[in-house]
Amino acid sequence: MGERAKEWLLAAGAGAAIGALSAAAVMNHLSGSKRREGYVRNLLESNGMTAGNARSNRHLGAVGSSDLLSDEVVSEQLTRNIQFFGMDSQKKVTESYVVVIGLGGVGSHAASMLLRSGVGRLLLVDFDQVSLSSLNRHAVATRDDVGTSKALCLKKHFSMIYPECQIDAKVQLYDASSEAEILSGQPDFVLDCIDNIDTKVALLAACMRRGLKVLSAMGAGARADPTRIRVADLRESSNDPLSRSVRYRLKKEHGIESGIPVVFSLEKPKAKLLPFQASKEEETPSDYQIVPGFRVRIIPVLGTIPAIFGQVMASYVITQLAGLDFQTEPVVNLDLDHYRILHQRLIEHEELMYGTAEQVLVDAEEVMYVVKELWRGRSARDQSQKDTGRKMWRSVNELMLVRWDKSKAAGISNLILLKFSEADAHESTTLDRIKEEEPEFYSMVSRVLKRAEMEFAL
C-alpha cells in the first residue's frame, strides 16, 4: 500500500474515532436533557400541574429552600447566576423572600426576573385584572389571560418556569387594613410597583416604619429614552411628577424626607395623560373604576420602558440579596464646563500651595470621576442628599478639590471635594490629627479613596 493511501486510512480512522466520541457526547447530553425534562414533568405532575395547564392551590417549593441548589435541575437552571455570584451568594438569593406589590408593566417584569434569578419565595399582590391593552408591556400574560387576575396569571406562568419557588398570590388592594397581612413574615425586600399615589405613599411609609427594605418605581409612562433611567434616593429624583408628589406627601404626612431608593427617569414625559372618553353619553369615569379613587384616565405607555424599570428593580434587589456591593450612578446635574472649572481651581490651588501644578495628575474627565462618582457632587464633609438640580449647581460654586494626603501627588485616589472654608481648615491640619479627632470621617474618606485605587488598579 502506498504512503498516500496509508495517510488517507489513518485520517479516516481518526475521523471515525472523533465522530464516535462526538456522537457519544451528544447522546449523553440528550440523555441528560431527557432526564431533566422527565424530572420537571414529574415535578409538575406531582404538584397537580401539566406543562400546558400549570395549576396549584398550595405553595410549591418541592425541594427545601436550604438545599435547592444541590438539586441537579435547579443548579443547572441557575448555573449562570451561580457562576456570576458564587454558590454562597446565590444561596442567599435562593433563601430570600420578596414581596412585589403592583403587577403591571413594571411589577410583572421585576417579579419575572426575581423568579428567574432563583428567589426562593415570592408574594405577588395586585387587585387588578389583565386587560387586552396591557399586553404591550406585561411580562408573561397572553390573550388567554385577559380578564384573569394579574396575581394569579403570574403564578400560573411562574409555576412552569421555576416550580421550586414558593409563590403566594393575593388578589387584593394594599391599604391600611391589609398592611399587616401583606408585610408580615419579615420579607427581605419589598418592591413598590404601584401607580396610585395614595397607596404608594401608604406602602412606603409602612415599610419605613417597619424597618423593611423597599425599592419604589416612579413614573415609567410617557417616556421613551432608556438611557435616562436611574436608581437613586427619592430625594435625588428629578423631572418626575410622581416622585415630586410622593416626596411631598411623605414629608408632609409622615416626616420622611429620604432613605427610600427609587427607580425613575430623568426624561421629561413625552405625552400627557389622555382624558376619559365614555362609550355612552350617560357614562362617567366612576363607572370604570375598579376601586373608588383610582384613576381611569389613560397614561400613554411605550411598553419597553416599564419593562426596563422592572428589570432594573430586579437587578438592584438581586445584587442586594446576594451581597454584591456596587455604587449606583449618582444624579449629579453638571456639565463638562463645571468639571473644567473645578480642574482649574485645583491647578491654581496647587500653584498657590506648592509653587507648581506639576503634581496635578488628573484632567477634566478624571475630575468628573472624582467629583461625580466618588463624592457625588458634594463636600466630603457633607454627604447628605439635600442638594439636587439647580441647588447643586450653586453648591459647586463653593467647592474645590484638594489633596487628602499632602505628601502625595494630586491623583485620582488622593483628592477630596471640600467647601472653600473646609479646604483652608484641611490644609492647616494633619491626617494623624484627623484620624485621632474624627475617626469616622477618616475611615469614610479612606474607604472612598480605596475604591478609586481598586477601580483604576493604582
Protein backbone atom coordinates (compact mmCIF):
# COMPACT_ATOMS: atom_id res chain seq x y z
CA MET A 1 0.00 0.00 0.00
CA GLY A 2 1.33 3.39 -0.96
CA GLU A 3 2.22 6.05 1.58
CA ARG A 4 -0.58 8.27 0.26
CA ALA A 5 -3.16 5.55 0.84
CA LYS A 6 -1.89 4.91 4.39
CA GLU A 7 -2.29 8.60 5.21
CA TRP A 8 -5.87 8.53 3.99
CA LEU A 9 -6.67 5.44 6.09
CA LEU A 10 -5.13 6.97 9.20
CA ALA A 11 -7.07 10.19 8.66
CA ALA A 12 -10.29 8.26 8.13
CA GLY A 13 -9.73 6.22 11.28
CA ALA A 14 -9.04 9.32 13.36
CA GLY A 15 -12.12 10.97 11.93
CA ALA A 16 -14.25 7.97 12.80
CA ALA A 17 -12.91 7.93 16.35
CA ILE A 18 -13.58 11.62 16.81
CA GLY A 19 -17.02 11.18 15.28
CA ALA A 20 -17.80 8.37 17.69
CA LEU A 21 -16.68 10.45 20.66
CA SER A 22 -18.74 13.41 19.45
CA ALA A 23 -21.77 11.21 18.94
CA ALA A 24 -21.35 9.76 22.42
CA ALA A 25 -21.10 13.26 23.89
CA VAL A 26 -24.23 14.38 22.04
CA MET A 27 -26.15 11.28 23.12
CA ASN A 28 -25.02 11.77 26.69
CA HIS A 29 -26.15 15.40 26.56
CA LEU A 30 -29.50 14.42 25.06
CA SER A 31 -29.89 11.68 27.66
CA GLY A 32 -29.20 14.22 30.40
CA SER A 33 -31.67 16.63 28.84
CA LYS A 34 -34.33 13.91 28.70
CA ARG A 35 -33.67 13.06 32.34
CA ARG A 36 -34.09 16.70 33.27
CA GLU A 37 -37.25 17.02 31.19
CA GLY A 38 -38.64 13.92 32.85
CA TYR A 39 -37.76 15.31 36.27
CA VAL A 40 -39.52 18.60 35.58
CA ARG A 41 -42.54 16.82 34.09
CA ASN A 42 -42.82 14.59 37.17
CA LEU A 43 -42.37 17.64 39.40
CA LEU A 44 -45.20 19.46 37.64
CA GLU A 45 -47.48 16.44 37.82
CA SER A 46 -46.69 15.96 41.50
CA ASN A 47 -47.98 19.49 42.10
CA GLY A 48 -51.19 18.88 40.16
CA MET A 49 -49.93 20.67 37.02
CA THR A 50 -49.14 19.92 33.40
CA ALA A 51 -46.93 21.88 31.03
CA GLY A 52 -49.99 23.27 29.30
CA ASN A 53 -52.03 23.97 32.40
CA ALA A 54 -49.97 24.76 35.48
CA ARG A 55 -52.30 24.92 38.45
CA SER A 56 -51.55 24.77 42.15
CA ASN A 57 -53.56 25.61 45.21
CA ARG A 58 -50.56 25.46 47.54
CA HIS A 59 -47.03 26.74 47.79
CA LEU A 60 -44.65 24.88 45.51
CA GLY A 61 -41.16 24.51 46.96
CA ALA A 62 -40.90 20.80 46.13
CA VAL A 63 -37.33 20.93 47.37
CA GLY A 64 -36.45 22.65 50.65
CA SER A 65 -35.04 26.14 50.14
CA SER A 66 -31.92 25.29 52.14
CA ASP A 67 -30.83 22.59 49.70
CA LEU A 68 -32.38 23.82 46.44
CA LEU A 69 -29.01 24.42 44.80
CA SER A 70 -27.95 20.82 45.42
CA ASP A 71 -30.71 19.71 43.05
CA GLU A 72 -29.38 18.92 39.57
CA VAL A 73 -32.13 20.66 37.62
CA VAL A 74 -32.20 23.79 39.80
CA SER A 75 -28.42 24.17 39.82
CA GLU A 76 -28.36 23.80 36.02
CA GLN A 77 -31.15 26.34 35.58
CA LEU A 78 -29.34 28.84 37.82
CA THR A 79 -25.82 27.96 36.68
CA ARG A 80 -25.11 31.36 35.10
CA ASN A 81 -26.14 33.17 38.28
CA ILE A 82 -24.02 30.79 40.36
CA GLN A 83 -21.05 31.50 38.10
CA PHE A 84 -21.64 35.23 38.50
CA PHE A 85 -22.30 35.45 42.25
CA GLY A 86 -20.66 32.30 43.57
CA MET A 87 -22.52 29.49 45.33
CA ASP A 88 -22.73 31.14 48.78
CA SER A 89 -24.14 34.40 47.43
CA GLN A 90 -26.61 32.62 45.14
CA LYS A 91 -27.76 30.63 48.16
CA LYS A 92 -28.68 33.93 49.86
CA VAL A 93 -30.88 34.76 46.85
CA THR A 94 -32.45 31.30 46.83
CA GLU A 95 -33.31 31.55 50.53
CA SER A 96 -34.78 35.05 50.26
CA TYR A 97 -38.37 36.24 50.46
CA VAL A 98 -39.52 39.17 48.31
CA VAL A 99 -42.90 40.92 48.15
CA VAL A 100 -43.95 42.56 44.87
CA ILE A 101 -46.95 44.88 45.04
CA GLY A 102 -48.39 46.04 41.73
CA LEU A 103 -48.07 43.56 38.87
CA GLY A 104 -48.47 45.66 35.73
CA GLY A 105 -45.79 46.56 33.22
CA VAL A 106 -43.14 47.29 35.87
CA GLY A 107 -44.07 44.77 38.55
CA SER A 108 -44.58 41.79 36.24
CA HIS A 109 -41.10 42.19 34.73
CA ALA A 110 -39.50 42.73 38.13
CA ALA A 111 -41.20 39.64 39.56
CA SER A 112 -40.34 37.59 36.48
CA MET A 113 -36.62 38.26 36.77
CA LEU A 114 -36.63 37.73 40.53
CA LEU A 115 -38.12 34.32 39.84
CA ARG A 116 -35.68 33.51 37.02
CA SER A 117 -32.82 34.56 39.29
CA GLY A 118 -33.79 31.96 41.85
CA VAL A 119 -35.57 33.92 44.61
CA GLY A 120 -37.00 31.17 46.80
CA ARG A 121 -40.24 32.77 47.91
CA LEU A 122 -42.42 35.41 46.28
CA LEU A 123 -45.60 37.14 47.40
CA LEU A 124 -47.41 38.71 44.42
CA VAL A 125 -50.07 41.30 45.20
CA ASP A 126 -52.48 43.11 42.85
CA PHE A 127 -56.24 43.65 42.84
CA ASP A 128 -56.44 44.28 39.08
CA GLN A 129 -57.02 42.06 36.05
CA VAL A 130 -55.08 41.55 32.83
CA SER A 131 -56.52 43.73 30.07
CA LEU A 132 -56.01 43.48 26.33
CA SER A 133 -54.32 46.89 26.25
CA SER A 134 -51.82 45.83 28.94
CA LEU A 135 -50.31 43.09 26.76
CA ASN A 136 -47.93 45.63 25.20
CA ARG A 137 -45.98 45.77 28.45
CA HIS A 138 -46.80 42.73 30.59
CA ALA A 139 -44.01 40.19 31.15
CA VAL A 140 -45.86 36.92 30.60
CA ALA A 141 -49.59 37.49 30.00
CA THR A 142 -51.19 36.25 26.77
CA ARG A 143 -54.60 36.85 25.20
CA ASP A 144 -55.87 33.77 27.01
CA ASP A 145 -55.10 35.56 30.29
CA VAL A 146 -57.19 38.67 29.55
CA GLY A 147 -59.82 39.11 32.24
CA THR A 148 -57.95 37.00 34.81
CA SER A 149 -56.25 38.29 37.94
CA LYS A 150 -52.75 39.64 37.36
CA ALA A 151 -51.53 37.91 40.51
CA LEU A 152 -52.93 34.51 39.54
CA CYS A 153 -51.78 34.97 35.94
CA LEU A 154 -48.18 35.43 37.09
CA LYS A 155 -48.40 32.50 39.48
CA LYS A 156 -49.64 30.23 36.69
CA HIS A 157 -46.83 31.16 34.30
CA PHE A 158 -44.17 31.26 37.02
CA SER A 159 -45.05 27.73 38.10
CA MET A 160 -43.90 26.49 34.70
CA ILE A 161 -40.66 28.49 34.76
CA TYR A 162 -39.32 27.74 38.24
CA PRO A 163 -41.71 25.37 40.05
CA GLU A 164 -39.45 25.14 43.11
CA CYS A 165 -40.24 28.75 44.04
CA GLN A 166 -42.79 29.15 46.81
CA ILE A 167 -45.32 31.53 45.27
CA ASP A 168 -48.25 33.14 47.03
CA ALA A 169 -50.65 35.28 45.01
CA LYS A 170 -53.04 37.71 46.66
CA VAL A 171 -55.84 39.29 44.64
CA GLN A 172 -56.31 42.32 46.83
CA LEU A 173 -55.61 46.01 47.19
CA TYR A 174 -52.84 47.14 49.50
CA ASP A 175 -54.18 49.55 52.13
CA ALA A 176 -54.06 50.09 55.89
CA SER A 177 -56.37 47.14 56.54
CA SER A 178 -54.16 44.70 54.59
CA GLU A 179 -50.78 46.07 55.72
CA ALA A 180 -50.20 43.51 58.47
CA GLU A 181 -51.17 40.58 56.24
CA ILE A 182 -49.04 41.64 53.27
CA LEU A 183 -45.96 42.93 55.07
CA SER A 184 -45.74 40.27 57.77
CA GLY A 185 -43.20 37.44 57.63
CA GLN A 186 -40.12 39.70 57.55
CA PRO A 187 -39.61 39.93 53.77
CA ASP A 188 -36.03 40.57 52.68
CA PHE A 189 -37.25 43.18 50.20
CA VAL A 190 -40.49 44.88 49.18
CA LEU A 191 -40.95 46.16 45.64
CA ASP A 192 -43.41 49.03 45.25
CA CYS A 193 -44.72 48.99 41.68
CA ILE A 194 -47.97 50.80 42.44
CA ASP A 195 -49.13 53.69 40.26
CA ASN A 196 -51.67 55.18 42.70
CA ILE A 197 -50.16 57.94 44.86
CA ASP A 198 -52.28 57.34 47.99
CA THR A 199 -51.49 53.63 48.07
CA LYS A 200 -47.84 54.16 47.18
CA VAL A 201 -47.30 56.69 49.96
CA ALA A 202 -49.05 54.42 52.49
CA LEU A 203 -46.89 51.44 51.49
CA LEU A 204 -43.60 53.33 51.59
CA ALA A 205 -44.42 54.85 54.97
CA ALA A 206 -45.34 51.42 56.35
CA CYS A 207 -42.08 49.88 55.11
CA MET A 208 -40.06 52.67 56.71
CA ARG A 209 -41.99 52.29 59.94
CA ARG A 210 -41.44 48.53 59.98
CA GLY A 211 -37.76 48.80 59.03
CA LEU A 212 -38.25 46.85 55.79
CA LYS A 213 -36.03 47.32 52.75
CA VAL A 214 -38.11 48.78 49.95
CA LEU A 215 -37.44 49.81 46.35
CA SER A 216 -40.02 52.02 44.67
CA ALA A 217 -40.82 52.57 40.99
CA MET A 218 -41.67 56.09 39.93
CA GLY A 219 -43.31 57.16 36.65
CA ALA A 220 -42.49 54.92 33.67
CA GLY A 221 -45.32 56.07 31.42
CA ALA A 222 -44.97 58.62 28.61
CA ARG A 223 -41.18 58.10 28.38
CA ALA A 224 -39.05 56.74 25.55
CA ASP A 225 -35.35 57.13 26.45
CA PRO A 226 -33.95 54.07 28.27
CA THR A 227 -30.58 55.76 28.85
CA ARG A 228 -32.10 58.19 31.35
CA ILE A 229 -33.36 55.61 33.84
CA ARG A 230 -31.63 55.90 37.22
CA VAL A 231 -31.63 54.42 40.72
CA ALA A 232 -31.21 56.97 43.48
CA ASP A 233 -32.67 58.15 46.77
CA LEU A 234 -36.17 59.60 46.44
CA ARG A 235 -34.73 62.98 47.39
CA GLU A 236 -32.49 62.97 44.31
CA SER A 237 -35.17 62.12 41.75
CA SER A 238 -35.98 64.93 39.33
CA ASN A 239 -38.07 65.64 36.21
CA ASP A 240 -40.65 63.19 37.53
CA PRO A 241 -44.10 64.44 38.61
CA LEU A 242 -44.86 61.22 40.51
CA SER A 243 -41.61 61.48 42.50
CA ARG A 244 -42.41 65.09 43.34
CA SER A 245 -45.89 64.21 44.62
CA VAL A 246 -44.70 61.19 46.61
CA ARG A 247 -41.83 63.18 48.11
CA TYR A 248 -44.19 65.98 49.20
CA ARG A 249 -46.75 63.62 50.71
CA LEU A 250 -44.18 61.52 52.60
CA LYS A 251 -42.61 64.61 54.13
CA LYS A 252 -45.90 66.31 54.99
CA GLU A 253 -47.82 63.30 56.28
CA HIS A 254 -45.07 61.06 57.67
CA GLY A 255 -41.98 63.23 58.17
CA ILE A 256 -39.97 61.10 55.72
CA GLU A 257 -37.54 63.05 53.54
CA SER A 258 -35.05 60.42 52.34
CA GLY A 259 -33.87 56.85 52.78
CA ILE A 260 -36.03 55.27 50.07
CA PRO A 261 -34.25 54.12 46.87
CA VAL A 262 -36.33 54.66 43.74
CA VAL A 263 -36.13 53.84 40.05
CA PHE A 264 -37.03 56.88 37.96
CA SER A 265 -36.34 58.57 34.65
CA LEU A 266 -34.58 61.88 34.17
CA GLU A 267 -36.56 62.27 30.95
CA LYS A 268 -39.47 64.69 30.95
CA PRO A 269 -42.75 62.96 29.99
CA LYS A 270 -43.20 62.87 26.22
CA ALA A 271 -47.01 62.68 26.31
CA LYS A 272 -49.82 63.89 28.53
CA LEU A 273 -52.49 61.95 30.40
CA LEU A 274 -55.33 61.22 27.99
CA PRO A 275 -58.84 62.32 29.02
CA PHE A 276 -61.61 59.86 29.83
CA GLN A 277 -63.82 59.10 26.84
CA ALA A 278 -67.13 57.40 27.59
CA SER A 279 -68.57 54.93 25.10
CA LYS A 280 -72.07 56.02 26.06
CA GLU A 281 -73.34 59.53 26.74
CA GLU A 282 -74.62 58.73 30.24
CA GLU A 283 -71.38 57.07 31.42
CA THR A 284 -69.00 58.75 33.88
CA PRO A 285 -65.38 58.00 34.86
CA SER A 286 -66.54 56.43 38.14
CA ASP A 287 -68.36 53.74 36.15
CA TYR A 288 -64.96 52.43 35.05
CA GLN A 289 -63.20 52.47 38.42
CA ILE A 290 -62.34 49.02 39.72
CA VAL A 291 -61.60 50.60 43.10
CA PRO A 292 -63.03 54.01 44.16
CA GLY A 293 -60.46 56.78 43.93
CA PHE A 294 -58.22 55.09 41.36
CA ARG A 295 -57.53 56.86 38.09
CA VAL A 296 -59.39 55.99 34.93
CA ARG A 297 -57.56 58.42 32.65
CA ILE A 298 -55.03 56.79 30.39
CA ILE A 299 -51.26 57.20 30.53
CA PRO A 300 -49.69 56.58 27.11
CA VAL A 301 -47.05 53.90 27.62
CA LEU A 302 -44.24 52.67 25.39
CA GLY A 303 -44.09 49.08 26.63
CA THR A 304 -40.31 48.83 26.65
CA ILE A 305 -39.79 51.48 29.35
CA PRO A 306 -41.83 49.89 32.19
CA ALA A 307 -40.18 46.59 31.25
CA ILE A 308 -36.73 48.16 31.72
CA PHE A 309 -37.87 49.73 35.01
CA GLY A 310 -38.82 46.26 36.20
CA GLN A 311 -35.54 44.73 35.04
CA VAL A 312 -33.60 47.48 36.83
CA MET A 313 -35.57 46.85 40.03
CA ALA A 314 -34.93 43.11 39.87
CA SER A 315 -31.22 43.59 39.23
CA TYR A 316 -30.92 46.02 42.14
CA VAL A 317 -32.73 43.70 44.55
CA ILE A 318 -30.93 40.51 43.45
CA THR A 319 -27.49 42.07 43.88
CA GLN A 320 -28.52 43.42 47.28
CA LEU A 321 -29.75 39.99 48.35
CA ALA A 322 -26.54 38.36 47.10
CA GLY A 323 -24.39 40.89 48.94
CA LEU A 324 -22.78 42.24 45.77
CA ASP A 325 -21.61 45.75 46.56
CA PHE A 326 -21.78 48.34 43.79
CA GLN A 327 -22.32 52.08 43.60
CA THR A 328 -25.31 53.37 41.65
CA GLU A 329 -24.53 56.22 39.28
CA PRO A 330 -25.11 59.45 41.21
CA VAL A 331 -27.56 62.00 39.89
CA VAL A 332 -25.23 64.97 39.52
CA ASN A 333 -26.62 67.64 37.21
CA LEU A 334 -23.38 69.15 35.99
CA ASP A 335 -21.92 69.56 32.54
CA LEU A 336 -18.27 69.34 31.48
CA ASP A 337 -17.73 73.08 31.94
CA HIS A 338 -18.34 72.69 35.68
CA TYR A 339 -15.68 69.98 35.88
CA ARG A 340 -13.25 72.16 33.92
CA ILE A 341 -13.80 74.93 36.46
CA LEU A 342 -13.04 72.54 39.32
CA HIS A 343 -9.96 71.30 37.46
CA GLN A 344 -8.72 74.85 37.00
CA ARG A 345 -9.33 75.59 40.68
CA LEU A 346 -7.22 72.57 41.58
CA ILE A 347 -4.35 73.80 39.38
CA GLU A 348 -4.49 77.30 40.85
CA HIS A 349 -4.62 75.90 44.40
CA GLU A 350 -1.62 73.66 43.75
CA GLU A 351 0.38 76.59 42.38
CA LEU A 352 -0.52 78.67 45.43
CA MET A 353 0.28 75.95 47.98
CA TYR A 354 3.22 74.19 46.34
CA GLY A 355 4.53 76.71 43.82
CA THR A 356 3.77 74.41 40.87
CA ALA A 357 0.96 72.36 39.33
CA GLU A 358 3.26 69.56 38.16
CA GLN A 359 1.80 67.19 40.76
CA VAL A 360 -1.72 67.52 39.35
CA LEU A 361 -2.16 64.08 37.77
CA VAL A 362 -5.79 64.41 36.63
CA ASP A 363 -7.51 66.02 33.66
CA ALA A 364 -11.07 67.38 33.42
CA GLU A 365 -12.59 63.97 32.66
CA GLU A 366 -10.85 62.39 35.64
CA VAL A 367 -12.04 65.30 37.78
CA MET A 368 -15.55 64.30 36.63
CA TYR A 369 -14.99 60.81 38.04
CA VAL A 370 -13.67 62.14 41.35
CA VAL A 371 -16.47 64.68 41.79
CA LYS A 372 -19.36 62.63 40.45
CA GLU A 373 -18.52 59.01 41.28
CA LEU A 374 -16.53 59.39 44.48
CA TRP A 375 -18.05 62.44 46.15
CA ARG A 376 -21.43 62.58 44.36
CA GLY A 377 -21.11 66.32 43.74
CA ARG A 378 -20.96 67.17 47.44
CA SER A 379 -18.39 68.10 50.03
CA ALA A 380 -16.72 65.08 51.60
CA ARG A 381 -17.85 66.56 54.91
CA ASP A 382 -21.48 66.74 53.81
CA GLN A 383 -22.54 63.56 52.02
CA SER A 384 -26.24 64.15 52.70
CA GLN A 385 -28.56 64.21 49.70
CA LYS A 386 -30.15 67.59 50.12
CA ASP A 387 -28.84 69.49 47.09
CA THR A 388 -30.09 68.45 43.65
CA GLY A 389 -30.77 70.24 40.39
CA ARG A 390 -30.09 73.96 40.47
CA LYS A 391 -29.18 73.85 44.17
CA MET A 392 -26.32 71.53 43.29
CA TRP A 393 -25.14 73.87 40.54
CA ARG A 394 -24.96 76.68 43.08
CA SER A 395 -23.20 74.48 45.64
CA VAL A 396 -20.43 73.67 43.14
CA ASN A 397 -19.54 77.34 43.11
CA GLU A 398 -18.41 76.86 46.73
CA LEU A 399 -16.42 73.64 46.20
CA MET A 400 -12.84 72.75 45.30
CA LEU A 401 -10.57 69.71 45.12
CA VAL A 402 -7.59 69.38 47.44
CA ARG A 403 -5.12 66.65 48.33
CA TRP A 404 -6.17 64.31 51.12
CA ASP A 405 -2.56 63.39 51.92
CA LYS A 406 -0.36 66.40 51.31
CA SER A 407 2.73 64.20 50.95
CA LYS A 408 1.27 62.52 47.84
CA ALA A 409 0.52 63.91 44.37
CA ALA A 410 -2.92 65.22 43.41
CA GLY A 411 -4.06 62.00 41.73
CA ILE A 412 -7.42 60.27 41.42
CA SER A 413 -7.01 58.37 44.70
CA ASN A 414 -5.81 61.38 46.72
CA LEU A 415 -8.38 64.10 46.05
CA ILE A 416 -11.31 65.15 48.21
CA LEU A 417 -14.03 67.66 47.45
CA LEU A 418 -14.50 70.36 50.08
CA LYS A 419 -16.04 73.79 50.53
CA PHE A 420 -13.57 76.68 50.43
CA SER A 421 -13.58 77.15 54.22
CA GLU A 422 -13.22 73.38 54.76
CA ALA A 423 -10.31 73.26 52.33
CA ASP A 424 -8.50 76.00 54.27
CA ALA A 425 -9.01 74.09 57.52
CA HIS A 426 -7.84 70.86 55.91
CA GLU A 427 -4.63 72.45 54.68
CA SER A 428 -3.80 73.59 58.22
CA THR A 429 -4.16 70.18 59.86
CA THR A 430 -2.63 66.71 59.50
CA LEU A 431 -4.00 63.27 58.70
CA ASP A 432 -2.84 61.97 62.08
CA ARG A 433 -4.87 64.64 63.80
CA ILE A 434 -7.96 63.90 61.67
CA LYS A 435 -7.59 60.19 62.41
CA GLU A 436 -7.41 60.89 66.13
CA GLU A 437 -10.15 63.54 66.39
CA GLU A 438 -12.51 62.38 63.61
CA PRO A 439 -12.05 58.62 63.21
CA GLU A 440 -15.37 58.10 61.39
CA PHE A 441 -14.63 60.81 58.82
CA TYR A 442 -11.09 59.48 58.38
CA SER A 443 -12.38 55.93 57.78
CA MET A 444 -15.05 57.13 55.33
CA VAL A 445 -12.59 59.11 53.20
CA SER A 446 -10.04 56.28 53.27
CA ARG A 447 -12.73 53.84 52.11
CA VAL A 448 -13.83 56.10 49.24
CA LEU A 449 -10.28 56.73 48.04
CA LYS A 450 -9.50 53.00 48.31
CA ARG A 451 -12.34 52.41 45.88
CA ALA A 452 -10.64 54.72 43.37
CA GLU A 453 -7.40 52.75 43.76
CA MET A 454 -9.19 49.49 43.04
CA GLU A 455 -11.20 50.77 40.08
CA PHE A 456 -8.14 52.30 38.43
CA ALA A 457 -5.79 49.49 39.54
CA LEU A 458 -3.42 52.01 41.14
